[in-house]
């Protein structure tokens, strides 16, 4: 049986696992984005707390994914909980780092001008600093999404949902019938999803950053 026949016979299952994988990654990246941006906003003005936040996220990032998932089994069991926890933890580093870098890169003169116009610190942050830092933050979210896509496949190790089940089931029976087809199906599915998600972020960036679609239309 070739790859196309394998996919055709299991089309419904593969679509279901693809939707599971995409949903899990999207939700995990959303959680990581909220947490990462909040941590970045809370610490970017203070070098030591921001360095500590980045260092902690960096240490978590260096833990091998299988080890991380294994360590999460005792407190969280198998399934969705350890999978989501691991993906969120791995996705934090690029988001925190880019949020801090983006906010620190905003021209202080623009911030001073906003404060001179009577804006509070919070309003200046939401109306001036975050919009200007958004392209850098979005880049961090894009990187985090690609990381989450790969970690999501490895999450099948703890019975996590998604296309990782195809990959692990194929690897577990290499040499057997359809083992290569299963592994290729999962791998290609993850790669295609990664490209689709990245394309979405490219479009989002064009619509939400200065000089994007609206800026081009005014020019």
N, C-alpha and C. Protein backbone atom coordinates (compact mmCIF):
# COMPACT_ATOMS: atom_id res chain seq x y z
N UNK A 1 0.85 -1.20 0.00
CA UNK A 1 0.00 0.00 0.00
C UNK A 1 0.89 1.25 0.00
N UNK A 2 0.61 2.17 -0.94
CA UNK A 2 1.40 3.40 -0.97
C UNK A 2 0.79 4.45 -0.03
N UNK A 3 1.47 5.59 0.05
CA UNK A 3 1.07 6.62 1.01
C UNK A 3 -0.34 7.15 0.73
N UNK A 4 -0.65 7.37 -0.54
CA UNK A 4 -1.95 7.93 -0.88
C UNK A 4 -3.08 6.95 -0.54
N UNK A 5 -2.86 5.69 -0.78
CA UNK A 5 -3.86 4.69 -0.41
C UNK A 5 -4.05 4.65 1.10
N UNK A 6 -2.94 4.74 1.84
CA UNK A 6 -3.01 4.74 3.30
C UNK A 6 -3.83 5.93 3.79
N UNK A 7 -3.54 7.10 3.24
CA UNK A 7 -4.27 8.30 3.66
C UNK A 7 -5.74 8.19 3.28
N UNK A 8 -6.02 7.67 2.08
CA UNK A 8 -7.40 7.54 1.64
C UNK A 8 -8.22 6.62 2.53
N UNK A 9 -7.64 5.52 2.94
CA UNK A 9 -8.35 4.55 3.78
C UNK A 9 -8.60 5.09 5.18
N UNK A 10 -7.74 5.99 5.65
CA UNK A 10 -7.86 6.52 7.02
C UNK A 10 -8.14 8.01 7.03
N UNK A 11 -8.78 8.50 5.99
CA UNK A 11 -8.97 9.93 5.81
C UNK A 11 -9.68 10.59 7.00
N UNK A 12 -10.77 9.97 7.44
CA UNK A 12 -11.54 10.57 8.54
C UNK A 12 -10.70 10.67 9.82
N UNK A 13 -9.94 9.61 10.12
CA UNK A 13 -9.10 9.62 11.31
C UNK A 13 -8.01 10.68 11.20
N UNK A 14 -7.38 10.77 10.02
CA UNK A 14 -6.29 11.73 9.83
C UNK A 14 -6.81 13.17 9.94
N UNK A 15 -7.97 13.44 9.36
CA UNK A 15 -8.56 14.77 9.47
C UNK A 15 -8.86 15.10 10.93
N UNK A 16 -9.42 14.12 11.65
CA UNK A 16 -9.72 14.32 13.07
C UNK A 16 -8.46 14.63 13.86
N UNK A 17 -7.39 13.88 13.63
CA UNK A 17 -6.13 14.11 14.34
C UNK A 17 -5.51 15.45 13.94
N UNK A 18 -5.68 15.84 12.68
CA UNK A 18 -5.16 17.13 12.23
C UNK A 18 -5.88 18.28 12.92
N UNK A 19 -7.19 18.18 13.02
CA UNK A 19 -7.97 19.22 13.70
C UNK A 19 -7.59 19.27 15.18
N UNK A 20 -7.43 18.10 15.80
CA UNK A 20 -6.99 18.05 17.19
C UNK A 20 -5.65 18.76 17.38
N UNK A 21 -4.72 18.47 16.48
CA UNK A 21 -3.38 19.03 16.57
C UNK A 21 -3.43 20.55 16.41
N UNK A 22 -4.15 21.02 15.40
CA UNK A 22 -4.25 22.45 15.17
C UNK A 22 -4.92 23.16 16.34
N UNK A 23 -5.97 22.57 16.86
CA UNK A 23 -6.69 23.18 17.99
C UNK A 23 -5.80 23.25 19.23
N UNK A 24 -5.09 22.16 19.51
CA UNK A 24 -4.21 22.14 20.68
C UNK A 24 -3.12 23.21 20.56
N UNK A 25 -2.49 23.30 19.41
CA UNK A 25 -1.42 24.27 19.22
C UNK A 25 -1.96 25.69 19.33
N UNK A 26 -3.10 25.96 18.70
CA UNK A 26 -3.67 27.30 18.72
C UNK A 26 -4.00 27.73 20.15
N UNK A 27 -4.61 26.85 20.91
CA UNK A 27 -4.97 27.19 22.29
C UNK A 27 -3.73 27.37 23.17
N UNK A 28 -2.74 26.51 22.98
CA UNK A 28 -1.52 26.63 23.78
C UNK A 28 -0.76 27.91 23.46
N UNK A 29 -0.69 28.27 22.17
CA UNK A 29 0.01 29.50 21.80
C UNK A 29 -0.75 30.71 22.33
N UNK A 30 -2.07 30.65 22.31
CA UNK A 30 -2.85 31.76 22.86
C UNK A 30 -2.57 31.94 24.35
N UNK A 31 -2.56 30.84 25.10
CA UNK A 31 -2.25 30.90 26.53
C UNK A 31 -0.84 31.44 26.74
N UNK A 32 0.13 30.90 25.98
CA UNK A 32 1.52 31.34 26.12
C UNK A 32 1.68 32.81 25.74
N UNK A 33 0.93 33.25 24.72
CA UNK A 33 1.03 34.65 24.30
C UNK A 33 0.52 35.59 25.39
N UNK A 34 -0.61 35.23 26.00
CA UNK A 34 -1.15 36.06 27.08
C UNK A 34 -0.17 36.11 28.25
N UNK A 35 0.31 34.94 28.68
CA UNK A 35 1.24 34.89 29.80
C UNK A 35 2.56 35.59 29.47
N UNK A 36 3.10 35.30 28.29
CA UNK A 36 4.39 35.86 27.91
C UNK A 36 4.36 37.37 27.77
N UNK A 37 3.30 37.90 27.16
CA UNK A 37 3.20 39.35 27.01
C UNK A 37 3.01 40.01 28.37
N UNK A 38 2.18 39.42 29.23
CA UNK A 38 1.99 39.98 30.57
C UNK A 38 3.29 40.00 31.36
N UNK A 39 4.04 38.91 31.28
CA UNK A 39 5.33 38.86 31.99
C UNK A 39 6.29 39.89 31.40
N UNK A 40 6.32 40.00 30.08
CA UNK A 40 7.19 40.98 29.44
C UNK A 40 6.82 42.40 29.82
N UNK A 41 5.52 42.71 29.81
CA UNK A 41 5.06 44.05 30.18
C UNK A 41 5.40 44.37 31.63
N UNK A 42 5.26 43.37 32.50
CA UNK A 42 5.50 43.58 33.92
C UNK A 42 6.98 43.77 34.26
N UNK A 43 7.87 43.31 33.38
CA UNK A 43 9.30 43.30 33.75
C UNK A 43 10.20 44.13 32.84
N UNK A 44 9.72 44.61 31.70
CA UNK A 44 10.65 45.19 30.72
C UNK A 44 11.34 46.46 31.21
N UNK A 45 10.73 47.16 32.14
CA UNK A 45 11.35 48.39 32.65
C UNK A 45 12.42 48.12 33.71
N UNK A 46 12.44 46.87 34.21
CA UNK A 46 13.37 46.53 35.30
C UNK A 46 14.30 45.42 34.82
N UNK A 47 15.58 45.71 34.68
CA UNK A 47 16.53 44.75 34.10
C UNK A 47 16.59 43.42 34.84
N UNK A 48 16.63 43.44 36.17
CA UNK A 48 16.79 42.19 36.90
C UNK A 48 15.57 41.27 36.78
N UNK A 49 14.35 41.76 37.01
CA UNK A 49 13.19 40.88 36.83
C UNK A 49 13.05 40.36 35.40
N UNK A 50 13.34 41.20 34.41
CA UNK A 50 13.22 40.74 33.02
C UNK A 50 14.28 39.69 32.71
N UNK A 51 15.49 39.89 33.25
CA UNK A 51 16.55 38.89 33.05
C UNK A 51 16.18 37.58 33.74
N UNK A 52 15.59 37.68 34.93
CA UNK A 52 15.18 36.48 35.65
C UNK A 52 14.07 35.73 34.90
N UNK A 53 13.07 36.47 34.40
CA UNK A 53 11.98 35.84 33.66
C UNK A 53 12.50 35.14 32.41
N UNK A 54 13.40 35.81 31.69
CA UNK A 54 13.97 35.22 30.48
C UNK A 54 14.82 34.01 30.82
N UNK A 55 15.58 34.09 31.91
CA UNK A 55 16.44 32.98 32.31
C UNK A 55 15.62 31.75 32.70
N UNK A 56 14.55 31.96 33.46
CA UNK A 56 13.70 30.83 33.87
C UNK A 56 13.06 30.18 32.65
N UNK A 57 12.54 31.00 31.74
CA UNK A 57 11.95 30.45 30.52
C UNK A 57 13.00 29.74 29.68
N UNK A 58 14.24 30.28 29.70
CA UNK A 58 15.32 29.65 28.96
C UNK A 58 15.71 28.30 29.53
N UNK A 59 15.73 28.19 30.86
CA UNK A 59 16.05 26.91 31.50
C UNK A 59 14.99 25.87 31.15
N UNK A 60 13.73 26.27 31.22
CA UNK A 60 12.65 25.34 30.84
C UNK A 60 12.79 24.90 29.39
N UNK A 61 13.22 25.85 28.55
CA UNK A 61 13.35 25.56 27.12
C UNK A 61 14.45 24.53 26.84
N UNK A 62 15.47 24.49 27.69
CA UNK A 62 16.59 23.57 27.45
C UNK A 62 16.29 22.13 27.88
N UNK A 63 15.21 21.93 28.63
CA UNK A 63 14.87 20.56 29.05
C UNK A 63 14.39 19.77 27.83
N UNK A 64 14.95 18.62 27.56
CA UNK A 64 14.48 17.82 26.41
C UNK A 64 12.98 17.54 26.52
N UNK A 65 12.31 17.57 25.39
CA UNK A 65 10.85 17.47 25.40
C UNK A 65 10.35 16.17 26.01
N UNK A 66 11.00 15.05 25.69
CA UNK A 66 10.56 13.78 26.27
C UNK A 66 10.74 13.77 27.78
N UNK A 67 11.84 14.39 28.25
CA UNK A 67 12.06 14.46 29.69
C UNK A 67 11.01 15.35 30.35
N UNK A 68 10.70 16.48 29.74
CA UNK A 68 9.68 17.36 30.28
C UNK A 68 8.34 16.65 30.38
N UNK A 69 7.95 15.97 29.31
CA UNK A 69 6.67 15.27 29.31
C UNK A 69 6.66 14.15 30.36
N UNK A 70 7.79 13.46 30.47
CA UNK A 70 7.88 12.40 31.47
C UNK A 70 7.76 12.93 32.89
N UNK A 71 8.37 14.08 33.15
CA UNK A 71 8.30 14.68 34.48
C UNK A 71 6.90 15.17 34.81
N UNK A 72 6.11 15.46 33.81
CA UNK A 72 4.75 15.96 34.03
C UNK A 72 3.73 14.84 34.25
N UNK A 73 4.12 13.60 33.97
CA UNK A 73 3.18 12.49 34.13
C UNK A 73 2.76 12.29 35.59
N UNK A 74 3.70 12.26 36.57
CA UNK A 74 3.28 12.03 37.96
C UNK A 74 2.25 13.05 38.47
N UNK A 75 2.46 14.37 38.26
CA UNK A 75 1.46 15.31 38.79
C UNK A 75 0.21 15.46 37.93
N UNK A 76 0.34 15.25 36.60
CA UNK A 76 -0.78 15.56 35.71
C UNK A 76 -1.38 14.35 35.00
N UNK A 77 -0.70 13.20 35.07
CA UNK A 77 -1.21 12.02 34.39
C UNK A 77 -0.91 12.05 32.90
N UNK A 78 -1.72 11.32 32.14
CA UNK A 78 -1.55 11.25 30.69
C UNK A 78 -2.63 12.06 29.99
N UNK A 79 -2.38 12.36 28.72
CA UNK A 79 -3.40 13.00 27.92
C UNK A 79 -3.17 14.48 27.68
N UNK A 80 -4.25 15.24 27.75
CA UNK A 80 -4.22 16.65 27.36
C UNK A 80 -3.43 17.50 28.35
N UNK A 81 -3.61 17.29 29.64
CA UNK A 81 -3.00 18.17 30.65
C UNK A 81 -1.48 18.28 30.53
N UNK A 82 -0.73 17.16 30.51
CA UNK A 82 0.73 17.32 30.38
C UNK A 82 1.13 17.85 29.02
N UNK A 83 0.36 17.52 27.99
CA UNK A 83 0.68 18.00 26.64
C UNK A 83 0.58 19.52 26.57
N UNK A 84 -0.54 20.06 27.05
CA UNK A 84 -0.76 21.50 27.02
C UNK A 84 0.26 22.22 27.90
N UNK A 85 0.52 21.68 29.08
CA UNK A 85 1.47 22.31 29.99
C UNK A 85 2.86 22.40 29.36
N UNK A 86 3.31 21.31 28.77
CA UNK A 86 4.63 21.31 28.15
C UNK A 86 4.72 22.29 26.99
N UNK A 87 3.71 22.31 26.14
CA UNK A 87 3.73 23.20 24.97
C UNK A 87 3.76 24.66 25.42
N UNK A 88 2.94 25.00 26.41
CA UNK A 88 2.92 26.38 26.90
C UNK A 88 4.27 26.78 27.48
N UNK A 89 4.88 25.90 28.27
CA UNK A 89 6.17 26.21 28.87
C UNK A 89 7.25 26.43 27.82
N UNK A 90 7.26 25.60 26.78
CA UNK A 90 8.26 25.78 25.72
C UNK A 90 8.01 27.04 24.90
N UNK A 91 6.75 27.43 24.77
CA UNK A 91 6.42 28.58 23.92
C UNK A 91 6.68 29.92 24.60
N UNK A 92 6.91 29.92 25.91
CA UNK A 92 7.05 31.18 26.64
C UNK A 92 8.31 31.96 26.28
N UNK A 93 9.43 31.27 26.09
CA UNK A 93 10.71 31.97 25.93
C UNK A 93 10.71 32.98 24.78
N UNK A 94 10.38 32.59 23.54
CA UNK A 94 10.44 33.60 22.47
C UNK A 94 9.45 34.73 22.66
N UNK A 95 8.32 34.46 23.30
CA UNK A 95 7.32 35.52 23.49
C UNK A 95 7.77 36.51 24.55
N UNK A 96 8.25 36.00 25.69
CA UNK A 96 8.76 36.90 26.74
C UNK A 96 9.93 37.72 26.21
N UNK A 97 10.87 37.05 25.58
CA UNK A 97 12.08 37.74 25.10
C UNK A 97 11.72 38.82 24.08
N UNK A 98 10.86 38.50 23.13
CA UNK A 98 10.52 39.47 22.10
C UNK A 98 9.66 40.61 22.64
N UNK A 99 8.83 40.31 23.64
CA UNK A 99 8.04 41.39 24.25
C UNK A 99 8.95 42.39 24.94
N UNK A 100 9.92 41.89 25.69
CA UNK A 100 10.87 42.77 26.38
C UNK A 100 11.69 43.57 25.36
N UNK A 101 12.21 42.89 24.36
CA UNK A 101 13.02 43.56 23.34
C UNK A 101 12.20 44.59 22.58
N UNK A 102 10.98 44.23 22.21
CA UNK A 102 10.13 45.14 21.46
C UNK A 102 9.77 46.38 22.25
N UNK A 103 9.40 46.22 23.52
CA UNK A 103 9.02 47.38 24.33
C UNK A 103 10.23 48.26 24.64
N UNK A 104 11.38 47.64 24.88
CA UNK A 104 12.58 48.44 25.13
C UNK A 104 13.05 49.17 23.88
N UNK A 105 12.65 48.68 22.72
CA UNK A 105 13.07 49.31 21.47
C UNK A 105 12.23 50.50 21.06
N UNK A 106 11.15 50.77 21.78
CA UNK A 106 10.32 51.93 21.46
C UNK A 106 11.08 53.21 21.80
N UNK A 107 11.04 54.16 20.90
CA UNK A 107 11.75 55.43 21.09
C UNK A 107 11.26 56.13 22.36
N UNK A 108 12.14 56.39 23.32
CA UNK A 108 11.72 57.06 24.56
C UNK A 108 11.10 58.43 24.31
N UNK A 109 11.48 59.10 23.23
CA UNK A 109 10.91 60.41 22.93
C UNK A 109 9.42 60.31 22.64
N UNK A 110 9.01 59.20 21.99
CA UNK A 110 7.59 59.01 21.71
C UNK A 110 6.82 58.76 23.01
N UNK A 111 7.44 58.01 23.92
CA UNK A 111 6.79 57.76 25.21
C UNK A 111 6.68 59.06 25.99
N UNK A 112 7.73 59.86 25.99
CA UNK A 112 7.69 61.15 26.69
C UNK A 112 6.64 62.08 26.08
N UNK A 113 6.52 62.03 24.75
CA UNK A 113 5.52 62.87 24.09
C UNK A 113 4.12 62.45 24.49
N UNK A 114 3.90 61.13 24.59
CA UNK A 114 2.59 60.64 25.00
C UNK A 114 2.27 61.07 26.42
N UNK A 115 3.26 60.99 27.30
CA UNK A 115 3.05 61.41 28.68
C UNK A 115 2.82 62.92 28.74
N UNK A 116 3.50 63.65 27.85
CA UNK A 116 3.32 65.10 27.81
C UNK A 116 1.93 65.50 27.35
N UNK A 117 1.28 64.64 26.58
CA UNK A 117 -0.09 64.89 26.13
C UNK A 117 -1.13 64.53 27.19
N UNK A 118 -0.64 64.07 28.35
CA UNK A 118 -1.55 63.76 29.44
C UNK A 118 -1.91 62.29 29.58
N UNK A 119 -1.28 61.42 28.79
CA UNK A 119 -1.58 60.00 28.89
C UNK A 119 -0.99 59.43 30.19
N UNK A 120 -1.74 58.56 30.82
CA UNK A 120 -1.22 57.84 31.97
C UNK A 120 -0.21 56.80 31.50
N UNK A 121 0.50 56.23 32.46
CA UNK A 121 1.48 55.21 32.09
C UNK A 121 0.81 54.03 31.41
N UNK A 122 -0.36 53.61 31.94
CA UNK A 122 -1.08 52.49 31.35
C UNK A 122 -1.58 52.80 29.96
N UNK A 123 -2.10 54.00 29.77
CA UNK A 123 -2.60 54.37 28.45
C UNK A 123 -1.47 54.51 27.45
N UNK A 124 -0.36 55.06 27.90
CA UNK A 124 0.81 55.16 27.02
C UNK A 124 1.28 53.77 26.59
N UNK A 125 1.21 52.83 27.52
CA UNK A 125 1.62 51.46 27.20
C UNK A 125 0.71 50.86 26.14
N UNK A 126 -0.60 51.00 26.33
CA UNK A 126 -1.55 50.34 25.42
C UNK A 126 -1.73 51.09 24.11
N UNK A 127 -1.58 52.40 24.12
CA UNK A 127 -1.83 53.20 22.91
C UNK A 127 -0.58 53.49 22.10
N UNK A 128 0.59 53.46 22.74
CA UNK A 128 1.82 53.83 22.04
C UNK A 128 2.83 52.69 22.02
N UNK A 129 3.23 52.22 23.20
CA UNK A 129 4.34 51.28 23.27
C UNK A 129 4.01 49.91 22.70
N UNK A 130 2.89 49.32 23.13
CA UNK A 130 2.55 47.99 22.62
C UNK A 130 2.30 47.98 21.11
N UNK A 131 1.56 48.96 20.55
CA UNK A 131 1.41 48.95 19.08
C UNK A 131 2.74 49.03 18.34
N UNK A 132 3.67 49.86 18.85
CA UNK A 132 4.97 49.98 18.18
C UNK A 132 5.81 48.72 18.36
N UNK A 133 5.65 48.04 19.48
CA UNK A 133 6.41 46.82 19.74
C UNK A 133 5.76 45.59 19.11
N UNK A 134 4.54 45.73 18.62
CA UNK A 134 3.77 44.58 18.14
C UNK A 134 4.49 43.75 17.06
N UNK A 135 5.15 44.35 16.06
CA UNK A 135 5.82 43.51 15.06
C UNK A 135 6.85 42.56 15.67
N UNK A 136 7.60 43.05 16.66
CA UNK A 136 8.59 42.20 17.31
C UNK A 136 7.91 41.12 18.15
N UNK A 137 6.85 41.52 18.86
CA UNK A 137 6.10 40.53 19.66
C UNK A 137 5.50 39.46 18.76
N UNK A 138 4.94 39.88 17.63
CA UNK A 138 4.33 38.92 16.70
C UNK A 138 5.36 37.93 16.17
N UNK A 139 6.57 38.40 15.93
CA UNK A 139 7.64 37.50 15.50
C UNK A 139 7.90 36.43 16.55
N UNK A 140 7.90 36.83 17.82
CA UNK A 140 8.08 35.86 18.90
C UNK A 140 6.95 34.85 18.94
N UNK A 141 5.73 35.30 18.69
CA UNK A 141 4.59 34.39 18.68
C UNK A 141 4.70 33.42 17.51
N UNK A 142 5.18 33.89 16.37
CA UNK A 142 5.37 33.01 15.21
C UNK A 142 6.39 31.91 15.52
N UNK A 143 7.50 32.31 16.14
CA UNK A 143 8.51 31.32 16.51
C UNK A 143 7.94 30.33 17.51
N UNK A 144 7.20 30.84 18.49
CA UNK A 144 6.60 29.97 19.50
C UNK A 144 5.62 28.97 18.87
N UNK A 145 4.91 29.41 17.85
CA UNK A 145 3.95 28.52 17.18
C UNK A 145 4.66 27.37 16.48
N UNK A 146 5.76 27.66 15.82
CA UNK A 146 6.51 26.59 15.15
C UNK A 146 7.07 25.60 16.18
N UNK A 147 7.54 26.10 17.30
CA UNK A 147 8.01 25.22 18.37
C UNK A 147 6.86 24.37 18.90
N UNK A 148 5.72 25.01 19.12
CA UNK A 148 4.56 24.30 19.65
C UNK A 148 4.09 23.20 18.70
N UNK A 149 4.21 23.45 17.42
CA UNK A 149 3.79 22.45 16.44
C UNK A 149 4.61 21.17 16.59
N UNK A 150 5.92 21.32 16.75
CA UNK A 150 6.77 20.15 16.91
C UNK A 150 6.60 19.46 18.25
N UNK A 151 6.52 20.26 19.32
CA UNK A 151 6.32 19.67 20.64
C UNK A 151 4.97 18.97 20.72
N UNK A 152 3.98 19.51 20.01
CA UNK A 152 2.67 18.88 19.99
C UNK A 152 2.71 17.47 19.41
N UNK A 153 3.60 17.25 18.45
CA UNK A 153 3.74 15.90 17.89
C UNK A 153 4.39 14.96 18.91
N UNK A 154 5.39 15.47 19.62
CA UNK A 154 6.07 14.65 20.63
C UNK A 154 5.14 14.31 21.79
N UNK A 155 4.10 15.14 21.99
CA UNK A 155 3.17 14.93 23.09
C UNK A 155 2.41 13.62 22.99
N UNK A 156 2.45 12.98 21.86
CA UNK A 156 1.83 11.66 21.74
C UNK A 156 2.50 10.66 22.69
N UNK A 157 3.71 10.98 23.12
CA UNK A 157 4.44 10.14 24.09
C UNK A 157 3.64 9.98 25.39
N UNK A 158 2.85 11.01 25.73
CA UNK A 158 2.02 10.95 26.95
C UNK A 158 0.54 10.87 26.57
N UNK A 159 0.26 10.27 25.42
CA UNK A 159 -1.11 10.09 24.92
C UNK A 159 -1.79 11.41 24.62
N UNK A 160 -1.00 12.40 24.21
CA UNK A 160 -1.58 13.67 23.81
C UNK A 160 -2.29 13.56 22.48
N UNK A 161 -3.24 14.46 22.21
CA UNK A 161 -4.00 14.41 20.96
C UNK A 161 -3.18 14.93 19.79
N UNK A 162 -3.59 14.56 18.59
CA UNK A 162 -2.97 15.13 17.40
C UNK A 162 -2.25 14.14 16.52
N UNK A 163 -1.50 14.69 15.58
CA UNK A 163 -0.83 13.89 14.56
C UNK A 163 0.36 13.11 15.09
N UNK A 164 0.80 13.42 16.29
CA UNK A 164 1.91 12.66 16.86
C UNK A 164 1.59 11.19 17.00
N UNK A 165 0.30 10.86 17.13
CA UNK A 165 -0.10 9.46 17.23
C UNK A 165 0.30 8.69 15.98
N UNK A 166 0.16 9.31 14.82
CA UNK A 166 0.58 8.67 13.57
C UNK A 166 2.08 8.42 13.58
N UNK A 167 2.84 9.42 14.01
CA UNK A 167 4.30 9.31 14.00
C UNK A 167 4.77 8.23 14.97
N UNK A 168 4.27 8.26 16.20
CA UNK A 168 4.73 7.31 17.21
C UNK A 168 4.27 5.89 16.89
N UNK A 169 3.06 5.74 16.37
CA UNK A 169 2.59 4.39 16.02
C UNK A 169 3.41 3.81 14.88
N UNK A 170 3.80 4.68 13.95
CA UNK A 170 4.64 4.20 12.85
C UNK A 170 6.03 3.83 13.31
N UNK A 171 6.63 4.67 14.15
CA UNK A 171 7.97 4.38 14.66
C UNK A 171 7.99 3.13 15.54
N UNK A 172 6.89 2.89 16.24
CA UNK A 172 6.84 1.74 17.15
C UNK A 172 6.82 0.41 16.41
N UNK A 173 6.41 0.43 15.15
CA UNK A 173 6.33 -0.82 14.39
C UNK A 173 7.09 -0.72 13.07
N UNK A 174 8.24 -0.05 13.11
CA UNK A 174 9.06 0.05 11.90
C UNK A 174 9.40 -1.34 11.38
N UNK A 175 9.29 -1.51 10.08
CA UNK A 175 9.48 -2.82 9.47
C UNK A 175 8.17 -3.53 9.25
N UNK A 176 7.10 -3.08 9.93
CA UNK A 176 5.79 -3.68 9.77
C UNK A 176 5.00 -3.00 8.67
N UNK A 177 3.81 -3.48 8.45
CA UNK A 177 2.96 -2.94 7.39
C UNK A 177 2.55 -1.51 7.71
N UNK A 178 2.73 -0.62 6.73
CA UNK A 178 2.29 0.77 6.81
C UNK A 178 3.01 1.59 7.89
N UNK A 179 4.09 1.09 8.45
CA UNK A 179 4.81 1.85 9.47
C UNK A 179 5.37 3.15 8.88
N UNK A 180 5.98 3.05 7.72
CA UNK A 180 6.54 4.24 7.08
C UNK A 180 5.43 5.19 6.65
N UNK A 181 4.34 4.64 6.14
CA UNK A 181 3.22 5.48 5.72
C UNK A 181 2.65 6.28 6.89
N UNK A 182 2.51 5.63 8.04
CA UNK A 182 1.98 6.31 9.23
C UNK A 182 2.92 7.42 9.67
N UNK A 183 4.21 7.14 9.69
CA UNK A 183 5.20 8.14 10.12
C UNK A 183 5.22 9.32 9.16
N UNK A 184 5.20 9.03 7.85
CA UNK A 184 5.20 10.10 6.86
C UNK A 184 3.92 10.93 6.93
N UNK A 185 2.79 10.27 7.14
CA UNK A 185 1.53 11.00 7.23
C UNK A 185 1.55 11.99 8.37
N UNK A 186 1.99 11.55 9.55
CA UNK A 186 2.07 12.46 10.68
C UNK A 186 3.06 13.58 10.48
N UNK A 187 4.23 13.24 9.93
CA UNK A 187 5.27 14.24 9.72
C UNK A 187 4.85 15.29 8.70
N UNK A 188 4.31 14.85 7.58
CA UNK A 188 3.86 15.79 6.54
C UNK A 188 2.69 16.63 7.04
N UNK A 189 1.81 16.01 7.81
CA UNK A 189 0.68 16.75 8.36
C UNK A 189 1.13 17.88 9.26
N UNK A 190 2.10 17.60 10.12
CA UNK A 190 2.63 18.63 11.02
C UNK A 190 3.30 19.73 10.21
N UNK A 191 4.06 19.36 9.19
CA UNK A 191 4.75 20.36 8.36
C UNK A 191 3.75 21.26 7.63
N UNK A 192 2.69 20.67 7.11
CA UNK A 192 1.68 21.46 6.40
C UNK A 192 0.97 22.40 7.36
N UNK A 193 0.62 21.90 8.54
CA UNK A 193 -0.01 22.76 9.54
C UNK A 193 0.91 23.92 9.92
N UNK A 194 2.20 23.63 10.07
CA UNK A 194 3.15 24.69 10.44
C UNK A 194 3.18 25.78 9.37
N UNK A 195 3.15 25.39 8.10
CA UNK A 195 3.13 26.37 7.02
C UNK A 195 1.84 27.18 7.01
N UNK A 196 0.71 26.53 7.28
CA UNK A 196 -0.57 27.23 7.31
C UNK A 196 -0.63 28.23 8.46
N UNK A 197 -0.17 27.83 9.62
CA UNK A 197 -0.15 28.74 10.76
C UNK A 197 0.77 29.92 10.49
N UNK A 198 1.94 29.66 9.90
CA UNK A 198 2.87 30.74 9.62
C UNK A 198 2.29 31.70 8.60
N UNK A 199 1.59 31.16 7.60
CA UNK A 199 0.92 32.01 6.64
C UNK A 199 -0.13 32.91 7.29
N UNK A 200 -0.84 32.35 8.26
CA UNK A 200 -1.83 33.15 8.99
C UNK A 200 -1.15 34.31 9.70
N UNK A 201 -0.01 34.05 10.33
CA UNK A 201 0.67 35.12 11.07
C UNK A 201 1.25 36.17 10.13
N UNK A 202 1.66 35.74 8.93
CA UNK A 202 2.13 36.72 7.94
C UNK A 202 1.00 37.67 7.57
N UNK A 203 -0.19 37.11 7.31
CA UNK A 203 -1.35 37.94 6.98
C UNK A 203 -1.74 38.82 8.16
N UNK A 204 -1.72 38.26 9.36
CA UNK A 204 -2.04 39.04 10.54
C UNK A 204 -1.10 40.22 10.69
N UNK A 205 0.19 39.98 10.42
CA UNK A 205 1.17 41.05 10.52
C UNK A 205 0.90 42.16 9.50
N UNK A 206 0.47 41.77 8.30
CA UNK A 206 0.20 42.78 7.28
C UNK A 206 -0.99 43.65 7.63
N UNK A 207 -1.96 43.07 8.34
CA UNK A 207 -3.16 43.82 8.68
C UNK A 207 -3.04 44.60 9.98
N UNK A 208 -2.07 44.27 10.80
CA UNK A 208 -2.02 44.87 12.15
C UNK A 208 -0.75 45.65 12.45
N UNK A 209 0.17 45.75 11.51
CA UNK A 209 1.40 46.50 11.78
C UNK A 209 1.47 47.74 10.90
N UNK A 210 2.15 48.79 11.39
CA UNK A 210 2.32 49.99 10.57
C UNK A 210 3.01 49.66 9.26
N UNK A 211 2.53 50.27 8.17
CA UNK A 211 3.11 49.98 6.87
C UNK A 211 2.52 48.75 6.22
N UNK A 212 1.53 48.12 6.90
CA UNK A 212 0.87 46.94 6.33
C UNK A 212 -0.15 47.33 5.29
N UNK A 213 -1.21 46.56 5.21
CA UNK A 213 -2.21 46.76 4.15
C UNK A 213 -2.84 48.15 4.21
N UNK A 214 -3.27 48.57 5.43
CA UNK A 214 -3.94 49.84 5.54
C UNK A 214 -2.98 50.99 5.26
N UNK A 215 -1.73 50.82 5.79
CA UNK A 215 -0.75 51.87 5.54
C UNK A 215 -0.41 51.98 4.07
N UNK A 216 -0.31 50.81 3.38
CA UNK A 216 -0.04 50.81 1.96
C UNK A 216 -1.16 51.44 1.17
N UNK A 217 -2.43 51.22 1.63
CA UNK A 217 -3.57 51.77 0.93
C UNK A 217 -3.58 53.30 1.03
N UNK A 218 -3.20 53.84 2.20
CA UNK A 218 -3.16 55.29 2.37
C UNK A 218 -2.06 55.90 1.53
N UNK A 219 -0.93 55.15 1.38
CA UNK A 219 0.15 55.69 0.57
C UNK A 219 -0.25 55.78 -0.88
